[in-house]
Amino acid sequence: MEKNLLYSPQSQGNVIDSLCAEMVLDKALLDFRKEKIQQKIDQSLRDRNKKEFLRLTEELKNA
């Protein structure tokens, strides 16, 4: 009888671990990107640059 290693518990655990790691990384990258946009928004407010402020707030909504 041949073992099917594709569906072994260890294989499934590795897939789940990989997916969790990918989700954590994606969340960290998204948080970093949002933080950078927020910093640029703050700068646009200090510079009184309405056009840049509106562009960046729209970008933040879509992030």
PDB file of N, CA and C in Angstrom:
ATOM      1  N   MET A   1       0.843  -1.176   0.000  1.00  0.00           N
ATOM      2  CA  MET A   1       0.000   0.000   0.000  1.00  0.00           C
ATOM      3  C   MET A   1       0.894   1.248   0.000  1.00  0.00           C
ATOM      4  N   GLU A   2       0.581   2.179  -0.856  1.00  0.00           N
ATOM      5  CA  GLU A   2       1.385   3.383  -1.022  1.00  0.00           C
ATOM      6  C   GLU A   2       0.858   4.489  -0.119  1.00  0.00           C
ATOM      7  N   LYS A   3       1.773   5.185   0.567  1.00  0.00           N
ATOM      8  CA  LYS A   3       1.369   6.304   1.427  1.00  0.00           C
ATOM      9  C   LYS A   3       1.250   7.570   0.585  1.00  0.00           C
ATOM     10  N   ASN A   4       0.221   8.321   0.852  1.00  0.00           N
ATOM     11  CA  ASN A   4       0.044   9.602   0.176  1.00  0.00           C
ATOM     12  C   ASN A   4       0.515  10.696   1.129  1.00  0.00           C
ATOM     13  N   LEU A   5       1.730  11.194   0.923  1.00  0.00           N
ATOM     14  CA  LEU A   5       2.314  12.179   1.829  1.00  0.00           C
ATOM     15  C   LEU A   5       1.710  13.570   1.662  1.00  0.00           C
ATOM     16  N   LEU A   6       1.013  13.796   0.578  1.00  0.00           N
ATOM     17  CA  LEU A   6       0.426  15.107   0.334  1.00  0.00           C
ATOM     18  C   LEU A   6      -0.570  15.475   1.429  1.00  0.00           C
ATOM     19  N   TYR A   7      -1.286  14.502   1.931  1.00  0.00           N
ATOM     20  CA  TYR A   7      -2.323  14.776   2.921  1.00  0.00           C
ATOM     21  C   TYR A   7      -1.931  14.317   4.321  1.00  0.00           C
ATOM     22  N   SER A   8      -0.663  14.171   4.561  1.00  0.00           N
ATOM     23  CA  SER A   8      -0.222  13.768   5.890  1.00  0.00           C
ATOM     24  C   SER A   8      -0.406  14.922   6.862  1.00  0.00           C
ATOM     25  N   PRO A   9      -0.605  14.640   8.144  1.00  0.00           N
ATOM     26  CA  PRO A   9      -0.796  15.710   9.132  1.00  0.00           C
ATOM     27  C   PRO A   9       0.381  16.688   9.160  1.00  0.00           C
ATOM     28  N   GLN A  10       1.585  16.194   8.999  1.00  0.00           N
ATOM     29  CA  GLN A  10       2.755  17.064   9.031  1.00  0.00           C
ATOM     30  C   GLN A  10       2.727  18.030   7.838  1.00  0.00           C
ATOM     31  N   SER A  11       2.353  17.519   6.681  1.00  0.00           N
ATOM     32  CA  SER A  11       2.274  18.348   5.485  1.00  0.00           C
ATOM     33  C   SER A  11       1.214  19.433   5.659  1.00  0.00           C
ATOM     34  N   GLN A  12       0.072  19.080   6.206  1.00  0.00           N
ATOM     35  CA  GLN A  12      -0.991  20.053   6.422  1.00  0.00           C
ATOM     36  C   GLN A  12      -0.558  21.109   7.439  1.00  0.00           C
ATOM     37  N   GLY A  13       0.177  20.682   8.445  1.00  0.00           N
ATOM     38  CA  GLY A  13       0.688  21.622   9.452  1.00  0.00           C
ATOM     39  C   GLY A  13       1.645  22.612   8.832  1.00  0.00           C
ATOM     40  N   ASN A  14       2.494  22.141   7.920  1.00  0.00           N
ATOM     41  CA  ASN A  14       3.434  23.031   7.252  1.00  0.00           C
ATOM     42  C   ASN A  14       2.700  24.048   6.383  1.00  0.00           C
ATOM     43  N   VAL A  15       1.656  23.598   5.720  1.00  0.00           N
ATOM     44  CA  VAL A  15       0.874  24.506   4.877  1.00  0.00           C
ATOM     45  C   VAL A  15       0.213  25.571   5.740  1.00  0.00           C
ATOM     46  N   ILE A  16      -0.358  25.166   6.839  1.00  0.00           N
ATOM     47  CA  ILE A  16      -1.011  26.112   7.748  1.00  0.00           C
ATOM     48  C   ILE A  16       0.008  27.091   8.312  1.00  0.00           C
ATOM     49  N   ASP A  17       1.172  26.596   8.713  1.00  0.00           N
ATOM     50  CA  ASP A  17       2.227  27.476   9.220  1.00  0.00           C
ATOM     51  C   ASP A  17       2.666  28.480   8.159  1.00  0.00           C
ATOM     52  N   SER A  18       2.797  28.015   6.934  1.00  0.00           N
ATOM     53  CA  SER A  18       3.199  28.904   5.843  1.00  0.00           C
ATOM     54  C   SER A  18       2.152  29.976   5.589  1.00  0.00           C
ATOM     55  N   LEU A  19       0.887  29.578   5.602  1.00  0.00           N
ATOM     56  CA  LEU A  19      -0.192  30.547   5.396  1.00  0.00           C
ATOM     57  C   LEU A  19      -0.245  31.576   6.525  1.00  0.00           C
ATOM     58  N   CYS A  20      -0.064  31.114   7.740  1.00  0.00           N
ATOM     59  CA  CYS A  20      -0.065  32.033   8.888  1.00  0.00           C
ATOM     60  C   CYS A  20       1.106  33.007   8.787  1.00  0.00           C
ATOM     61  N   ALA A  21       2.271  32.511   8.434  1.00  0.00           N
ATOM     62  CA  ALA A  21       3.442  33.376   8.285  1.00  0.00           C
ATOM     63  C   ALA A  21       3.211  34.403   7.189  1.00  0.00           C
ATOM     64  N   GLU A  22       2.615  33.979   6.100  1.00  0.00           N
ATOM     65  CA  GLU A  22       2.332  34.893   4.996  1.00  0.00           C
ATOM     66  C   GLU A  22       1.329  35.965   5.422  1.00  0.00           C
ATOM     67  N   MET A  23       0.328  35.574   6.188  1.00  0.00           N
ATOM     68  CA  MET A  23      -0.670  36.537   6.666  1.00  0.00           C
ATOM     69  C   MET A  23      -0.039  37.562   7.603  1.00  0.00           C
ATOM     70  N   VAL A  24       0.833  37.105   8.484  1.00  0.00           N
ATOM     71  CA  VAL A  24       1.515  38.009   9.416  1.00  0.00           C
ATOM     72  C   VAL A  24       2.385  38.987   8.640  1.00  0.00           C
ATOM     73  N   LEU A  25       3.108  38.491   7.658  1.00  0.00           N
ATOM     74  CA  LEU A  25       3.965  39.348   6.848  1.00  0.00           C
ATOM     75  C   LEU A  25       3.136  40.363   6.056  1.00  0.00           C
ATOM     76  N   ASP A  26       2.049  39.917   5.466  1.00  0.00           N
ATOM     77  CA  ASP A  26       1.172  40.821   4.718  1.00  0.00           C
ATOM     78  C   ASP A  26       0.624  41.931   5.621  1.00  0.00           C
ATOM     79  N   LYS A  27       0.221  41.563   6.822  1.00  0.00           N
ATOM     80  CA  LYS A  27      -0.312  42.546   7.778  1.00  0.00           C
ATOM     81  C   LYS A  27       0.762  43.539   8.185  1.00  0.00           C
ATOM     82  N   ALA A  28       1.973  43.063   8.424  1.00  0.00           N
ATOM     83  CA  ALA A  28       3.069  43.947   8.805  1.00  0.00           C
ATOM     84  C   ALA A  28       3.401  44.922   7.677  1.00  0.00           C
ATOM     85  N   LEU A  29       3.407  44.430   6.445  1.00  0.00           N
ATOM     86  CA  LEU A  29       3.686  45.300   5.302  1.00  0.00           C
ATOM     87  C   LEU A  29       2.583  46.336   5.113  1.00  0.00           C
ATOM     88  N   LEU A  30       1.349  45.931   5.280  1.00  0.00           N
ATOM     89  CA  LEU A  30       0.225  46.856   5.160  1.00  0.00           C
ATOM     90  C   LEU A  30       0.289  47.934   6.236  1.00  0.00           C
ATOM     91  N   ASP A  31       0.569  47.523   7.470  1.00  0.00           N
ATOM     92  CA  ASP A  31       0.690  48.489   8.571  1.00  0.00           C
ATOM     93  C   ASP A  31       1.823  49.476   8.307  1.00  0.00           C
ATOM     94  N   PHE A  32       2.951  48.986   7.804  1.00  0.00           N
ATOM     95  CA  PHE A  32       4.097  49.835   7.491  1.00  0.00           C
ATOM     96  C   PHE A  32       3.719  50.836   6.402  1.00  0.00           C
ATOM     97  N   ARG A  33       3.061  50.346   5.364  1.00  0.00           N
ATOM     98  CA  ARG A  33       2.654  51.216   4.248  1.00  0.00           C
ATOM     99  C   ARG A  33       1.690  52.299   4.725  1.00  0.00           C
ATOM    100  N   LYS A  34       0.719  51.917   5.561  1.00  0.00           N
ATOM    101  CA  LYS A  34      -0.241  52.883   6.088  1.00  0.00           C
ATOM    102  C   LYS A  34       0.455  53.935   6.952  1.00  0.00           C
ATOM    103  N   GLU A  35       1.402  53.505   7.750  1.00  0.00           N
ATOM    104  CA  GLU A  35       2.146  54.433   8.611  1.00  0.00           C
ATOM    105  C   GLU A  35       2.904  55.455   7.762  1.00  0.00           C
ATOM    106  N   LYS A  36       3.530  54.996   6.682  1.00  0.00           N
ATOM    107  CA  LYS A  36       4.265  55.906   5.792  1.00  0.00           C
ATOM    108  C   LYS A  36       3.307  56.913   5.141  1.00  0.00           C
ATOM    109  N   ILE A  37       2.147  56.450   4.717  1.00  0.00           N
ATOM    110  CA  ILE A  37       1.164  57.348   4.119  1.00  0.00           C
ATOM    111  C   ILE A  37       0.693  58.370   5.148  1.00  0.00           C
ATOM    112  N   GLN A  38       0.462  57.931   6.379  1.00  0.00           N
ATOM    113  CA  GLN A  38       0.017  58.845   7.426  1.00  0.00           C
ATOM    114  C   GLN A  38       1.074  59.907   7.722  1.00  0.00           C
ATOM    115  N   GLN A  39       2.337  59.513   7.667  1.00  0.00           N
ATOM    116  CA  GLN A  39       3.419  60.486   7.858  1.00  0.00           C
ATOM    117  C   GLN A  39       3.409  61.522   6.734  1.00  0.00           C
ATOM    118  N   LYS A  40       3.165  61.060   5.510  1.00  0.00           N
ATOM    119  CA  LYS A  40       3.104  61.982   4.372  1.00  0.00           C
ATOM    120  C   LYS A  40       1.886  62.894   4.479  1.00  0.00           C
ATOM    121  N   ILE A  41       0.784  62.360   4.998  1.00  0.00           N
ATOM    122  CA  ILE A  41      -0.412  63.182   5.217  1.00  0.00           C
ATOM    123  C   ILE A  41      -0.098  64.278   6.224  1.00  0.00           C
ATOM    124  N   ASP A  42       0.561  63.917   7.304  1.00  0.00           N
ATOM    125  CA  ASP A  42       0.943  64.909   8.311  1.00  0.00           C
ATOM    126  C   ASP A  42       1.820  65.999   7.689  1.00  0.00           C
ATOM    127  N   GLN A  43       2.753  65.587   6.843  1.00  0.00           N
ATOM    128  CA  GLN A  43       3.635  66.557   6.195  1.00  0.00           C
ATOM    129  C   GLN A  43       2.842  67.466   5.254  1.00  0.00           C
ATOM    130  N   SER A  44       1.890  66.889   4.532  1.00  0.00           N
ATOM    131  CA  SER A  44       1.082  67.710   3.627  1.00  0.00           C
ATOM    132  C   SER A  44       0.248  68.733   4.407  1.00  0.00           C
ATOM    133  N   LEU A  45      -0.190  68.361   5.602  1.00  0.00           N
ATOM    134  CA  LEU A  45      -0.915  69.308   6.449  1.00  0.00           C
ATOM    135  C   LEU A  45       0.013  70.430   6.920  1.00  0.00           C
ATOM    136  N   ARG A  46       1.222  70.066   7.332  1.00  0.00           N
ATOM    137  CA  ARG A  46       2.190  71.088   7.756  1.00  0.00           C
ATOM    138  C   ARG A  46       2.522  72.041   6.605  1.00  0.00           C
ATOM    139  N   ASP A  47       2.589  71.478   5.396  1.00  0.00           N
ATOM    140  CA  ASP A  47       2.908  72.281   4.207  1.00  0.00           C
ATOM    141  C   ASP A  47       1.685  72.988   3.626  1.00  0.00           C
ATOM    142  N   ARG A  48       0.518  72.697   4.189  1.00  0.00           N
ATOM    143  CA  ARG A  48      -0.755  73.241   3.697  1.00  0.00           C
ATOM    144  C   ARG A  48      -0.960  72.925   2.215  1.00  0.00           C
ATOM    145  N   ASN A  49      -0.633  71.673   1.870  1.00  0.00           N
ATOM    146  CA  ASN A  49      -0.754  71.204   0.487  1.00  0.00           C
ATOM    147  C   ASN A  49      -2.043  70.385   0.367  1.00  0.00           C
ATOM    148  N   LYS A  50      -3.117  71.076   0.026  1.00  0.00           N
ATOM    149  CA  LYS A  50      -4.433  70.435  -0.020  1.00  0.00           C
ATOM    150  C   LYS A  50      -4.492  69.326  -1.068  1.00  0.00           C
ATOM    151  N   LYS A  51      -3.920  69.582  -2.234  1.00  0.00           N
ATOM    152  CA  LYS A  51      -3.950  68.601  -3.317  1.00  0.00           C
ATOM    153  C   LYS A  51      -3.267  67.294  -2.889  1.00  0.00           C
ATOM    154  N   GLU A  52      -2.101  67.411  -2.285  1.00  0.00           N
ATOM    155  CA  GLU A  52      -1.368  66.218  -1.827  1.00  0.00           C
ATOM    156  C   GLU A  52      -2.128  65.536  -0.686  1.00  0.00           C
ATOM    157  N   PHE A  53      -2.695  66.336   0.210  1.00  0.00           N
ATOM    158  CA  PHE A  53      -3.477  65.782   1.312  1.00  0.00           C
ATOM    159  C   PHE A  53      -4.637  64.940   0.791  1.00  0.00           C
ATOM    160  N   LEU A  54      -5.382  65.484  -0.172  1.00  0.00           N
ATOM    161  CA  LEU A  54      -6.516  64.743  -0.722  1.00  0.00           C
ATOM    162  C   LEU A  54      -6.069  63.471  -1.433  1.00  0.00           C
ATOM    163  N   ARG A  55      -4.973  63.560  -2.166  1.00  0.00           N
ATOM    164  CA  ARG A  55      -4.454  62.377  -2.874  1.00  0.00           C
ATOM    165  C   ARG A  55      -4.043  61.292  -1.877  1.00  0.00           C
ATOM    166  N   LEU A  56      -3.348  61.706  -0.838  1.00  0.00           N
ATOM    167  CA  LEU A  56      -2.849  60.742   0.149  1.00  0.00           C
ATOM    168  C   LEU A  56      -3.989  60.139   0.990  1.00  0.00           C
ATOM    169  N   THR A  57      -4.979  60.943   1.349  1.00  0.00           N
ATOM    170  CA  THR A  57      -6.091  60.369   2.115  1.00  0.00           C
ATOM    171  C   THR A  57      -6.859  59.348   1.275  1.00  0.00           C
ATOM    172  N   GLU A  58      -6.970  59.616  -0.020  1.00  0.00           N
ATOM    173  CA  GLU A  58      -7.619  58.643  -0.911  1.00  0.00           C
ATOM    174  C   GLU A  58      -6.778  57.362  -0.988  1.00  0.00           C
ATOM    175  N   GLU A  59      -5.469  57.538  -1.071  1.00  0.00           N
ATOM    176  CA  GLU A  59      -4.571  56.379  -1.116  1.00  0.00           C
ATOM    177  C   GLU A  59      -4.681  55.557   0.169  1.00  0.00           C
ATOM    178  N   LEU A  60      -4.787  56.245   1.295  1.00  0.00           N
ATOM    179  CA  LEU A  60      -4.921  55.551   2.580  1.00  0.00           C
ATOM    180  C   LEU A  60      -6.236  54.790   2.664  1.00  0.00           C
ATOM    181  N   LYS A  61      -7.303  55.349   2.139  1.00  0.00           N
ATOM    182  CA  LYS A  61      -8.594  54.642   2.125  1.00  0.00           C
ATOM    183  C   LYS A  61      -8.508  53.351   1.315  1.00  0.00           C
ATOM    184  N   ASN A  62      -7.744  53.381   0.240  1.00  0.00           N
ATOM    185  CA  ASN A  62      -7.641  52.221  -0.642  1.00  0.00           C
ATOM    186  C   ASN A  62      -6.581  51.222  -0.194  1.00  0.00           C
ATOM    187  N   ALA A  63      -5.811  51.562   0.816  1.00  0.00           N
ATOM    188  CA  ALA A  63      -4.738  50.672   1.275  1.00  0.00           C
ATOM    189  C   ALA A  63      -5.282  49.505   2.054  1.00  0.00           C
TER     190      ALA A  63
END
